[in-house]
Structure formats: structure tokens, C-alpha cells
Amino acid sequence: MRLSNKQILNLPVYTQSEDFLGRVIGFEVDAANHQIVQYHVGSSSSMKNILTNTPDFLISENQVIEVNEEKMIVEDLVIKELEEDPEKVKSGQTAATSINSERS
């Protein structure tokens, strides 16, 4: 299945456990192999993210389980890393990085 950038942007992002993380506000493409390597996700509580394209989370393509026209599903590990060790997130040692935590 192919999705256009219009279909990907604003796509709701959920974990496997059905926790809502936010919406896709951008993505990065590897020019060498023409594939998306990272998704920028803005939290549902911050309209500022949508307007400024500043993500709360960076989701690596290897954390994505499924993407369709309705939603993106990512590994539960994304939330577990954030809950278990916020310091690890601040230092950028996790696969999903909370941008807002780094700013604190």
C-alpha cells in the first residue's frame, strides 16, 4: 500500500495497547534509499506542535508495526521507555525520543 504525504500527515498514532500518542506532524526520508526513517509525532495536547512542526516524539521506522489510511500503530516499547526512565529519554538513548523532555 502506498500513502501520499497528505495521508501520512495528521495520521493518529497509537501504541499496540491502544494508547493515543498524538498525530504525525512530519517525517524524514533517507535520500539514498527513498524510505521514511523517522516520524515526527505531536502530542494531542499541544496544538503548537501542529503549527510549528515541533515534535514531541520521534518514532523510528523500526518501531512502526502498521500504517494504514486510518492510523499508525507503534510498539508499546515507545511508552514503556518514556515511563520507565525519563533520564534515558532526555539523553537520547531511546529509540523514541521525547523532544519536550529534552527541553526541560
PDB file of N, CA and C in Angstrom:
ATOM      1  N   MET A   1       0.844  -1.168   0.000  1.00  0.00           N
ATOM      2  CA  MET A   1       0.000   0.000   0.000  1.00  0.00           C
ATOM      3  C   MET A   1       0.896   1.241   0.000  1.00  0.00           C
ATOM      4  N   ARG A   2       0.535   2.208  -0.799  1.00  0.00           N
ATOM      5  CA  ARG A   2       1.254   3.470  -0.839  1.00  0.00           C
ATOM      6  C   ARG A   2       0.361   4.563  -0.272  1.00  0.00           C
ATOM      7  N   LEU A   3       0.969   5.439   0.519  1.00  0.00           N
ATOM      8  CA  LEU A   3       0.251   6.569   1.084  1.00  0.00           C
ATOM      9  C   LEU A   3       0.944   7.858   0.662  1.00  0.00           C
ATOM     10  N   SER A   4       0.179   8.857   0.355  1.00  0.00           N
ATOM     11  CA  SER A   4       0.749  10.151  -0.003  1.00  0.00           C
ATOM     12  C   SER A   4       1.128  10.908   1.267  1.00  0.00           C
ATOM     13  N   ASN A   5       1.901  11.979   1.119  1.00  0.00           N
ATOM     14  CA  ASN A   5       2.260  12.772   2.282  1.00  0.00           C
ATOM     15  C   ASN A   5       1.014  13.364   2.941  1.00  0.00           C
ATOM     16  N   LYS A   6      -0.004  13.670   2.168  1.00  0.00           N
ATOM     17  CA  LYS A   6      -1.252  14.200   2.732  1.00  0.00           C
ATOM     18  C   LYS A   6      -1.960  13.153   3.588  1.00  0.00           C
ATOM     19  N   GLN A   7      -1.821  11.882   3.229  1.00  0.00           N
ATOM     20  CA  GLN A   7      -2.444  10.814   4.010  1.00  0.00           C
ATOM     21  C   GLN A   7      -1.644  10.525   5.277  1.00  0.00           C
ATOM     22  N   ILE A   8      -0.331  10.717   5.229  1.00  0.00           N
ATOM     23  CA  ILE A   8       0.515  10.436   6.391  1.00  0.00           C
ATOM     24  C   ILE A   8       0.437  11.564   7.415  1.00  0.00           C
ATOM     25  N   LEU A   9       0.509  12.801   6.944  1.00  0.00           N
ATOM     26  CA  LEU A   9       0.453  13.934   7.859  1.00  0.00           C
ATOM     27  C   LEU A   9      -0.904  13.985   8.547  1.00  0.00           C
ATOM     28  N   ASN A  10      -0.880  14.204   9.848  1.00  0.00           N
ATOM     29  CA  ASN A  10      -2.058  14.271  10.714  1.00  0.00           C
ATOM     30  C   ASN A  10      -2.647  12.899  11.030  1.00  0.00           C
ATOM     31  N   LEU A  11      -1.966  11.826  10.638  1.00  0.00           N
ATOM     32  CA  LEU A  11      -2.415  10.468  10.929  1.00  0.00           C
ATOM     33  C   LEU A  11      -2.315  10.225  12.439  1.00  0.00           C
ATOM     34  N   PRO A  12      -3.363   9.719  13.082  1.00  0.00           N
ATOM     35  CA  PRO A  12      -3.270   9.421  14.518  1.00  0.00           C
ATOM     36  C   PRO A  12      -2.300   8.270  14.780  1.00  0.00           C
ATOM     37  N   VAL A  13      -1.559   8.379  15.885  1.00  0.00           N
ATOM     38  CA  VAL A  13      -0.561   7.371  16.250  1.00  0.00           C
ATOM     39  C   VAL A  13      -0.969   6.726  17.567  1.00  0.00           C
ATOM     40  N   TYR A  14      -1.036   5.395  17.557  1.00  0.00           N
ATOM     41  CA  TYR A  14      -1.419   4.612  18.727  1.00  0.00           C
ATOM     42  C   TYR A  14      -0.346   3.566  19.012  1.00  0.00           C
ATOM     43  N   THR A  15      -0.252   3.163  20.276  1.00  0.00           N
ATOM     44  CA  THR A  15       0.600   2.031  20.624  1.00  0.00           C
ATOM     45  C   THR A  15      -0.203   0.749  20.408  1.00  0.00           C
ATOM     46  N   GLN A  16       0.471  -0.396  20.525  1.00  0.00           N
ATOM     47  CA  GLN A  16      -0.203  -1.698  20.428  1.00  0.00           C
ATOM     48  C   GLN A  16      -1.300  -1.820  21.479  1.00  0.00           C
ATOM     49  N   SER A  17      -1.101  -1.187  22.628  1.00  0.00           N
ATOM     50  CA  SER A  17      -2.084  -1.240  23.717  1.00  0.00           C
ATOM     51  C   SER A  17      -3.184  -0.209  23.549  1.00  0.00           C
ATOM     52  N   GLU A  18      -3.202   0.439  22.397  1.00  0.00           N
ATOM     53  CA  GLU A  18      -4.222   1.413  22.037  1.00  0.00           C
ATOM     54  C   GLU A  18      -4.130   2.721  22.798  1.00  0.00           C
ATOM     55  N   ASP A  19      -2.918   3.058  23.303  1.00  0.00           N
ATOM     56  CA  ASP A  19      -2.697   4.371  23.901  1.00  0.00           C
ATOM     57  C   ASP A  19      -2.478   5.364  22.762  1.00  0.00           C
ATOM     58  N   PHE A  20      -3.194   6.477  22.814  1.00  0.00           N
ATOM     59  CA  PHE A  20      -3.063   7.502  21.784  1.00  0.00           C
ATOM     60  C   PHE A  20      -1.855   8.371  22.106  1.00  0.00           C
ATOM     61  N   LEU A  21      -0.907   8.472  21.177  1.00  0.00           N
ATOM     62  CA  LEU A  21       0.295   9.274  21.376  1.00  0.00           C
ATOM     63  C   LEU A  21       0.162  10.676  20.801  1.00  0.00           C
ATOM     64  N   GLY A  22      -0.539  10.804  19.704  1.00  0.00           N
ATOM     65  CA  GLY A  22      -0.665  12.084  19.030  1.00  0.00           C
ATOM     66  C   GLY A  22      -0.866  11.870  17.547  1.00  0.00           C
ATOM     67  N   ARG A  23      -0.426  12.853  16.757  1.00  0.00           N
ATOM     68  CA  ARG A  23      -0.598  12.779  15.316  1.00  0.00           C
ATOM     69  C   ARG A  23       0.722  13.044  14.608  1.00  0.00           C
ATOM     70  N   VAL A  24       0.895  12.437  13.443  1.00  0.00           N
ATOM     71  CA  VAL A  24       2.099  12.646  12.650  1.00  0.00           C
ATOM     72  C   VAL A  24       2.096  14.091  12.154  1.00  0.00           C
ATOM     73  N   ILE A  25       3.176  14.819  12.474  1.00  0.00           N
ATOM     74  CA  ILE A  25       3.283  16.208  12.021  1.00  0.00           C
ATOM     75  C   ILE A  25       4.412  16.386  11.004  1.00  0.00           C
ATOM     76  N   GLY A  26       5.163  15.306  10.774  1.00  0.00           N
ATOM     77  CA  GLY A  26       6.233  15.356   9.790  1.00  0.00           C
ATOM     78  C   GLY A  26       6.950  14.028   9.725  1.00  0.00           C
ATOM     79  N   PHE A  27       7.894  13.923   8.811  1.00  0.00           N
ATOM     80  CA  PHE A  27       8.690  12.708   8.692  1.00  0.00           C
ATOM     81  C   PHE A  27       9.973  13.032   7.962  1.00  0.00           C
ATOM     82  N   GLU A  28      10.958  12.139   8.114  1.00  0.00           N
ATOM     83  CA  GLU A  28      12.248  12.289   7.449  1.00  0.00           C
ATOM     84  C   GLU A  28      12.438  11.136   6.480  1.00  0.00           C
ATOM     85  N   VAL A  29      13.002  11.454   5.331  1.00  0.00           N
ATOM     86  CA  VAL A  29      13.230  10.462   4.285  1.00  0.00           C
ATOM     87  C   VAL A  29      14.734  10.298   4.068  1.00  0.00           C
ATOM     88  N   ASP A  30      15.179   9.060   3.984  1.00  0.00           N
ATOM     89  CA  ASP A  30      16.563   8.770   3.638  1.00  0.00           C
ATOM     90  C   ASP A  30      16.678   8.895   2.117  1.00  0.00           C
ATOM     91  N   ALA A  31      17.439   9.870   1.675  1.00  0.00           N
ATOM     92  CA  ALA A  31      17.549  10.138   0.236  1.00  0.00           C
ATOM     93  C   ALA A  31      18.217   9.000  -0.524  1.00  0.00           C
ATOM     94  N   ALA A  32      19.096   8.263   0.143  1.00  0.00           N
ATOM     95  CA  ALA A  32      19.824   7.188  -0.538  1.00  0.00           C
ATOM     96  C   ALA A  32      18.919   6.028  -0.928  1.00  0.00           C
ATOM     97  N   ASN A  33      17.991   5.657  -0.027  1.00  0.00           N
ATOM     98  CA  ASN A  33      17.127   4.511  -0.348  1.00  0.00           C
ATOM     99  C   ASN A  33      15.652   4.879  -0.472  1.00  0.00           C
ATOM    100  N   HIS A  34      15.349   6.180  -0.416  1.00  0.00           N
ATOM    101  CA  HIS A  34      13.998   6.672  -0.673  1.00  0.00           C
ATOM    102  C   HIS A  34      12.953   6.103   0.284  1.00  0.00           C
ATOM    103  N   GLN A  35      13.299   5.974   1.567  1.00  0.00           N
ATOM    104  CA  GLN A  35      12.375   5.433   2.558  1.00  0.00           C
ATOM    105  C   GLN A  35      12.260   6.369   3.752  1.00  0.00           C
ATOM    106  N   ILE A  36      11.087   6.356   4.373  1.00  0.00           N
ATOM    107  CA  ILE A  36      10.893   7.127   5.602  1.00  0.00           C
ATOM    108  C   ILE A  36      11.679   6.439   6.705  1.00  0.00           C
ATOM    109  N   VAL A  37      12.483   7.208   7.444  1.00  0.00           N
ATOM    110  CA  VAL A  37      13.297   6.641   8.518  1.00  0.00           C
ATOM    111  C   VAL A  37      12.847   7.102   9.897  1.00  0.00           C
ATOM    112  N   GLN A  38      12.063   8.174   9.954  1.00  0.00           N
ATOM    113  CA  GLN A  38      11.633   8.690  11.247  1.00  0.00           C
ATOM    114  C   GLN A  38      10.350   9.501  11.075  1.00  0.00           C
ATOM    115  N   TYR A  39       9.434   9.336  12.035  1.00  0.00           N
ATOM    116  CA  TYR A  39       8.185  10.083  12.035  1.00  0.00           C
ATOM    117  C   TYR A  39       8.216  11.083  13.180  1.00  0.00           C
ATOM    118  N   HIS A  40       7.748  12.283  12.936  1.00  0.00           N
ATOM    119  CA  HIS A  40       7.626  13.308  13.970  1.00  0.00           C
ATOM    120  C   HIS A  40       6.174  13.282  14.435  1.00  0.00           C
ATOM    121  N   VAL A  41       5.978  13.095  15.730  1.00  0.00           N
ATOM    122  CA  VAL A  41       4.633  12.982  16.294  1.00  0.00           C
ATOM    123  C   VAL A  41       4.424  14.086  17.319  1.00  0.00           C
ATOM    124  N   GLY A  42       3.370  14.858  17.127  1.00  0.00           N
ATOM    125  CA  GLY A  42       2.989  15.891  18.088  1.00  0.00           C
ATOM    126  C   GLY A  42       1.941  15.344  19.019  1.00  0.00           C
ATOM    127  N   SER A  43       2.063  15.671  20.300  1.00  0.00           N
ATOM    128  CA  SER A  43       1.099  15.152  21.269  1.00  0.00           C
ATOM    129  C   SER A  43      -0.263  15.770  21.042  1.00  0.00           C
ATOM    130  N   SER A  44      -1.266  15.073  21.487  1.00  0.00           N
ATOM    131  CA  SER A  44      -2.634  15.527  21.285  1.00  0.00           C
ATOM    132  C   SER A  44      -2.933  16.792  22.080  1.00  0.00           C
ATOM    133  N   SER A  45      -2.153  17.058  23.117  1.00  0.00           N
ATOM    134  CA  SER A  45      -2.438  18.194  23.981  1.00  0.00           C
ATOM    135  C   SER A  45      -1.803  19.491  23.508  1.00  0.00           C
ATOM    136  N   SER A  46      -1.041  19.447  22.444  1.00  0.00           N
ATOM    137  CA  SER A  46      -0.319  20.641  22.041  1.00  0.00           C
ATOM    138  C   SER A  46      -0.580  21.026  20.587  1.00  0.00           C
ATOM    139  N   MET A  47      -1.467  21.978  20.390  1.00  0.00           N
ATOM    140  CA  MET A  47      -1.750  22.477  19.051  1.00  0.00           C
ATOM    141  C   MET A  47      -0.522  23.193  18.491  1.00  0.00           C
ATOM    142  N   LYS A  48       0.325  23.696  19.376  1.00  0.00           N
ATOM    143  CA  LYS A  48       1.551  24.383  18.972  1.00  0.00           C
ATOM    144  C   LYS A  48       2.399  23.491  18.079  1.00  0.00           C
ATOM    145  N   ASN A  49       2.454  22.209  18.379  1.00  0.00           N
ATOM    146  CA  ASN A  49       3.254  21.274  17.587  1.00  0.00           C
ATOM    147  C   ASN A  49       2.810  21.231  16.139  1.00  0.00           C
ATOM    148  N   ILE A  50       1.517  21.245  15.925  1.00  0.00           N
ATOM    149  CA  ILE A  50       0.987  21.174  14.566  1.00  0.00           C
ATOM    150  C   ILE A  50       1.338  22.443  13.806  1.00  0.00           C
ATOM    151  N   LEU A  51       1.250  23.574  14.482  1.00  0.00           N
ATOM    152  CA  LEU A  51       1.513  24.853  13.823  1.00  0.00           C
ATOM    153  C   LEU A  51       2.997  25.092  13.578  1.00  0.00           C
ATOM    154  N   THR A  52       3.858  24.622  14.482  1.00  0.00           N
ATOM    155  CA  THR A  52       5.290  24.896  14.360  1.00  0.00           C
ATOM    156  C   THR A  52       6.087  23.700  13.840  1.00  0.00           C
ATOM    157  N   ASN A  53       5.433  22.552  13.657  1.00  0.00           N
ATOM    158  CA  ASN A  53       6.102  21.327  13.209  1.00  0.00           C
ATOM    159  C   ASN A  53       7.220  20.916  14.170  1.00  0.00           C
ATOM    160  N   THR A  54       7.002  21.133  15.471  1.00  0.00           N
ATOM    161  CA  THR A  54       7.951  20.734  16.505  1.00  0.00           C
ATOM    162  C   THR A  54       7.415  19.468  17.174  1.00  0.00           C
ATOM    163  N   PRO A  55       8.083  18.332  16.984  1.00  0.00           N
ATOM    164  CA  PRO A  55       7.539  17.071  17.509  1.00  0.00           C
ATOM    165  C   PRO A  55       7.753  16.895  19.010  1.00  0.00           C
ATOM    166  N   ASP A  56       6.842  16.171  19.632  1.00  0.00           N
ATOM    167  CA  ASP A  56       7.028  15.687  20.998  1.00  0.00           C
ATOM    168  C   ASP A  56       7.787  14.382  20.983  1.00  0.00           C
ATOM    169  N   PHE A  57       7.561  13.573  19.947  1.00  0.00           N
ATOM    170  CA  PHE A  57       8.194  12.267  19.835  1.00  0.00           C
ATOM    171  C   PHE A  57       8.793  12.097  18.450  1.00  0.00           C
ATOM    172  N   LEU A  58       9.902  11.388  18.401  1.00  0.00           N
ATOM    173  CA  LEU A  58      10.472  10.953  17.137  1.00  0.00           C
ATOM    174  C   LEU A  58      10.373   9.434  17.138  1.00  0.00           C
ATOM    175  N   ILE A  59       9.614   8.895  16.225  1.00  0.00           N
ATOM    176  CA  ILE A  59       9.385   7.456  16.145  1.00  0.00           C
ATOM    177  C   ILE A  59      10.208   6.900  14.993  1.00  0.00           C
ATOM    178  N   SER A  60      11.089   5.979  15.306  1.00  0.00           N
ATOM    179  CA  SER A  60      11.915   5.340  14.290  1.00  0.00           C
ATOM    180  C   SER A  60      11.070   4.394  13.454  1.00  0.00           C
ATOM    181  N   GLU A  61      11.425   4.254  12.199  1.00  0.00           N
ATOM    182  CA  GLU A  61      10.652   3.382  11.303  1.00  0.00           C
ATOM    183  C   GLU A  61      10.626   1.942  11.784  1.00  0.00           C
ATOM    184  N   ASN A  62      11.631   1.515  12.534  1.00  0.00           N
ATOM    185  CA  ASN A  62      11.634   0.125  13.013  1.00  0.00           C
ATOM    186  C   ASN A  62      10.713  -0.078  14.210  1.00  0.00           C
ATOM    187  N   GLN A  63      10.145   0.973  14.766  1.00  0.00           N
ATOM    188  CA  GLN A  63       9.169   0.863  15.853  1.00  0.00           C
ATOM    189  C   GLN A  63       7.739   0.795  15.339  1.00  0.00           C
ATOM    190  N   VAL A  64       7.560   1.045  14.062  1.00  0.00           N
ATOM    191  CA  VAL A  64       6.223   1.072  13.460  1.00  0.00           C
ATOM    192  C   VAL A  64       5.787  -0.346  13.119  1.00  0.00           C
ATOM    193  N   ILE A  65       4.629  -0.708  13.617  1.00  0.00           N
ATOM    194  CA  ILE A  65       4.074  -2.037  13.358  1.00  0.00           C
ATOM    195  C   ILE A  65       3.178  -2.004  12.126  1.00  0.00           C
ATOM    196  N   GLU A  66       2.369  -0.959  12.023  1.00  0.00           N
ATOM    197  CA  GLU A  66       1.421  -0.870  10.913  1.00  0.00           C
ATOM    198  C   GLU A  66       1.103   0.583  10.614  1.00  0.00           C
ATOM    199  N   VAL A  67       0.948   0.862   9.333  1.00  0.00           N
ATOM    200  CA  VAL A  67       0.464   2.167   8.884  1.00  0.00           C
ATOM    201  C   VAL A  67      -0.601   1.900   7.841  1.00  0.00           C
ATOM    202  N   ASN A  68      -1.759   2.512   8.039  1.00  0.00           N
ATOM    203  CA  ASN A  68      -2.805   2.424   7.020  1.00  0.00           C
ATOM    204  C   ASN A  68      -3.450   3.798   6.874  1.00  0.00           C
ATOM    205  N   GLU A  69      -4.512   3.890   6.111  1.00  0.00           N
ATOM    206  CA  GLU A  69      -5.152   5.183   5.874  1.00  0.00           C
ATOM    207  C   GLU A  69      -5.796   5.766   7.121  1.00  0.00           C
ATOM    208  N   GLU A  70      -6.033   4.930   8.143  1.00  0.00           N
ATOM    209  CA  GLU A  70      -6.741   5.378   9.337  1.00  0.00           C
ATOM    210  C   GLU A  70      -5.833   5.718  10.514  1.00  0.00           C
ATOM    211  N   LYS A  71      -4.696   4.978  10.667  1.00  0.00           N
ATOM    212  CA  LYS A  71      -3.843   5.204  11.830  1.00  0.00           C
ATOM    213  C   LYS A  71      -2.489   4.537  11.668  1.00  0.00           C
ATOM    214  N   MET A  72      -1.582   4.908  12.565  1.00  0.00           N
ATOM    215  CA  MET A  72      -0.276   4.268  12.679  1.00  0.00           C
ATOM    216  C   MET A  72      -0.249   3.568  14.038  1.00  0.00           C
ATOM    217  N   ILE A  73       0.266   2.353  14.049  1.00  0.00           N
ATOM    218  CA  ILE A  73       0.414   1.607  15.298  1.00  0.00           C
ATOM    219  C   ILE A  73       1.899   1.377  15.523  1.00  0.00           C
ATOM    220  N   VAL A  74       2.362   1.725  16.747  1.00  0.00           N
ATOM    221  CA  VAL A  74       3.773   1.566  17.083  1.00  0.00           C
ATOM    222  C   VAL A  74       3.913   0.617  18.276  1.00  0.00           C
ATOM    223  N   GLU A  75       5.112   0.121  18.476  1.00  0.00           N
ATOM    224  CA  GLU A  75       5.382  -0.795  19.585  1.00  0.00           C
ATOM    225  C   GLU A  75       5.045  -0.150  20.925  1.00  0.00           C
ATOM    226  N   ASP A  76       4.588  -0.953  21.859  1.00  0.00           N
ATOM    227  CA  ASP A  76       4.337  -0.473  23.217  1.00  0.00           C
ATOM    228  C   ASP A  76       5.604   0.055  23.860  1.00  0.00           C
ATOM    229  N   LEU A  77       6.736  -0.418  23.403  1.00  0.00           N
ATOM    230  CA  LEU A  77       8.016  -0.011  23.956  1.00  0.00           C
ATOM    231  C   LEU A  77       8.188   1.505  23.955  1.00  0.00           C
ATOM    232  N   VAL A  78       7.575   2.190  23.022  1.00  0.00           N
ATOM    233  CA  VAL A  78       7.681   3.643  22.944  1.00  0.00           C
ATOM    234  C   VAL A  78       7.229   4.262  24.254  1.00  0.00           C
ATOM    235  N   ILE A  79       6.064   3.869  24.753  1.00  0.00           N
ATOM    236  CA  ILE A  79       5.531   4.412  26.002  1.00  0.00           C
ATOM    237  C   ILE A  79       6.303   3.875  27.189  1.00  0.00           C
ATOM    238  N   LYS A  80       6.656   2.588  27.179  1.00  0.00           N
ATOM    239  CA  LYS A  80       7.368   1.998  28.311  1.00  0.00           C
ATOM    240  C   LYS A  80       8.698   2.691  28.545  1.00  0.00           C
ATOM    241  N   GLU A  81       9.419   3.030  27.483  1.00  0.00           N
ATOM    242  CA  GLU A  81      10.693   3.720  27.641  1.00  0.00           C
ATOM    243  C   GLU A  81      10.488   5.082  28.291  1.00  0.00           C
ATOM    244  N   LEU A  82       9.438   5.777  27.893  1.00  0.00           N
ATOM    245  CA  LEU A  82       9.178   7.098  28.450  1.00  0.00           C
ATOM    246  C   LEU A  82       8.786   7.020  29.919  1.00  0.00           C
ATOM    247  N   GLU A  83       8.005   6.005  30.293  1.00  0.00           N
ATOM    248  CA  GLU A  83       7.552   5.854  31.664  1.00  0.00           C
ATOM    249  C   GLU A  83       8.659   5.346  32.586  1.00  0.00           C
ATOM    250  N   GLU A  84       9.459   4.392  32.106  1.00  0.00           N
ATOM    251  CA  GLU A  84      10.432   3.731  32.961  1.00  0.00           C
ATOM    252  C   GLU A  84      11.664   4.577  33.263  1.00  0.00           C
ATOM    253  N   ASP A  85      12.138   5.333  32.299  1.00  0.00           N
ATOM    254  CA  ASP A  85      13.390   6.040  32.510  1.00  0.00           C
ATOM    255  C   ASP A  85      13.418   7.372  31.766  1.00  0.00           C
ATOM    256  N   PRO A  86      12.792   8.405  32.342  1.00  0.00           N
ATOM    257  CA  PRO A  86      12.779   9.714  31.692  1.00  0.00           C
ATOM    258  C   PRO A  86      14.177  10.263  31.438  1.00  0.00           C
ATOM    259  N   GLU A  87      15.147   9.932  32.306  1.00  0.00           N
ATOM    260  CA  GLU A  87      16.521  10.408  32.120  1.00  0.00           C
ATOM    261  C   GLU A  87      17.138   9.817  30.865  1.00  0.00           C
ATOM    262  N   LYS A  88      16.796   8.576  30.581  1.00  0.00           N
ATOM    263  CA  LYS A  88      17.292   7.915  29.375  1.00  0.00           C
ATOM    264  C   LYS A  88      16.744   8.630  28.139  1.00  0.00           C
ATOM    265  N   VAL A  89      15.490   9.056  28.230  1.00  0.00           N
ATOM    266  CA  VAL A  89      14.866   9.780  27.129  1.00  0.00           C
ATOM    267  C   VAL A  89      15.552  11.121  26.935  1.00  0.00           C
ATOM    268  N   LYS A  90      15.833  11.824  28.045  1.00  0.00           N
ATOM    269  CA  LYS A  90      16.481  13.133  27.957  1.00  0.00           C
ATOM    270  C   LYS A  90      17.835  13.043  27.278  1.00  0.00           C
ATOM    271  N   SER A  91      18.537  11.956  27.534  1.00  0.00           N
ATOM    272  CA  SER A  91      19.878  11.819  26.963  1.00  0.00           C
ATOM    273  C   SER A  91      19.852  11.280  25.533  1.00  0.00           C
ATOM    274  N   GLY A  92      18.660  10.951  25.031  1.00  0.00           N
ATOM    275  CA  GLY A  92      18.541  10.483  23.652  1.00  0.00           C
ATOM    276  C   GLY A  92      18.943   9.038  23.462  1.00  0.00           C
ATOM    277  N   GLN A  93      18.931   8.236  24.531  1.00  0.00           N
ATOM    278  CA  GLN A  93      19.363   6.852  24.438  1.00  0.00           C
ATOM    279  C   GLN A  93      18.246   5.897  24.045  1.00  0.00           C
ATOM    280  N   THR A  94      17.044   6.396  23.871  1.00  0.00           N
ATOM    281  CA  THR A  94      15.944   5.518  23.486  1.00  0.00           C
ATOM    282  C   THR A  94      15.653   5.670  22.012  1.00  0.00           C
ATOM    283  N   ALA A  95      14.932   4.716  21.491  1.00  0.00           N
ATOM    284  CA  ALA A  95      14.569   4.776  20.080  1.00  0.00           C
ATOM    285  C   ALA A  95      13.525   5.860  19.836  1.00  0.00           C
ATOM    286  N   ALA A  96      12.631   6.061  20.800  1.00  0.00           N
ATOM    287  CA  ALA A  96      11.644   7.141  20.700  1.00  0.00           C
ATOM    288  C   ALA A  96      12.083   8.243  21.634  1.00  0.00           C
ATOM    289  N   THR A  97      12.321   9.397  21.104  1.00  0.00           N
ATOM    290  CA  THR A  97      12.843  10.496  21.902  1.00  0.00           C
ATOM    291  C   THR A  97      11.762  11.528  22.126  1.00  0.00           C
ATOM    292  N   SER A  98      11.588  11.916  23.379  1.00  0.00           N
ATOM    293  CA  SER A  98      10.650  12.973  23.703  1.00  0.00           C
ATOM    294  C   SER A  98      11.376  14.302  23.595  1.00  0.00           C
ATOM    295  N   ILE A  99      11.039  15.082  22.621  1.00  0.00           N
ATOM    296  CA  ILE A  99      11.686  16.358  22.393  1.00  0.00           C
ATOM    297  C   ILE A  99      11.399  17.315  23.541  1.00  0.00           C
ATOM    298  N   ASN A 100      10.174  17.347  24.026  1.00  0.00           N
ATOM    299  CA  ASN A 100       9.835  18.270  25.113  1.00  0.00           C
ATOM    300  C   ASN A 100      10.607  17.940  26.376  1.00  0.00           C
ATOM    301  N   SER A 101      10.883  16.665  26.638  1.00  0.00           N
ATOM    302  CA  SER A 101      11.660  16.287  27.811  1.00  0.00           C
ATOM    303  C   SER A 101      13.086  16.814  27.700  1.00  0.00           C
ATOM    304  N   GLU A 102      13.629  16.846  26.488  1.00  0.00           N
ATOM    305  CA  GLU A 102      14.986  17.330  26.311  1.00  0.00           C
ATOM    306  C   GLU A 102      15.059  18.822  26.589  1.00  0.00           C
ATOM    307  N   ARG A 103      13.981  19.549  26.358  1.00  0.00           N
ATOM    308  CA  ARG A 103      13.977  20.983  26.567  1.00  0.00           C
ATOM    309  C   ARG A 103      13.880  21.353  28.033  1.00  0.00           C
ATOM    310  N   SER A 104      13.413  20.436  28.891  1.00  0.00           N
ATOM    311  CA  SER A 104      13.245  20.716  30.323  1.00  0.00           C
ATOM    312  C   SER A 104      14.564  20.852  31.027  1.00  0.00           C
TER     313      SER A 104
END
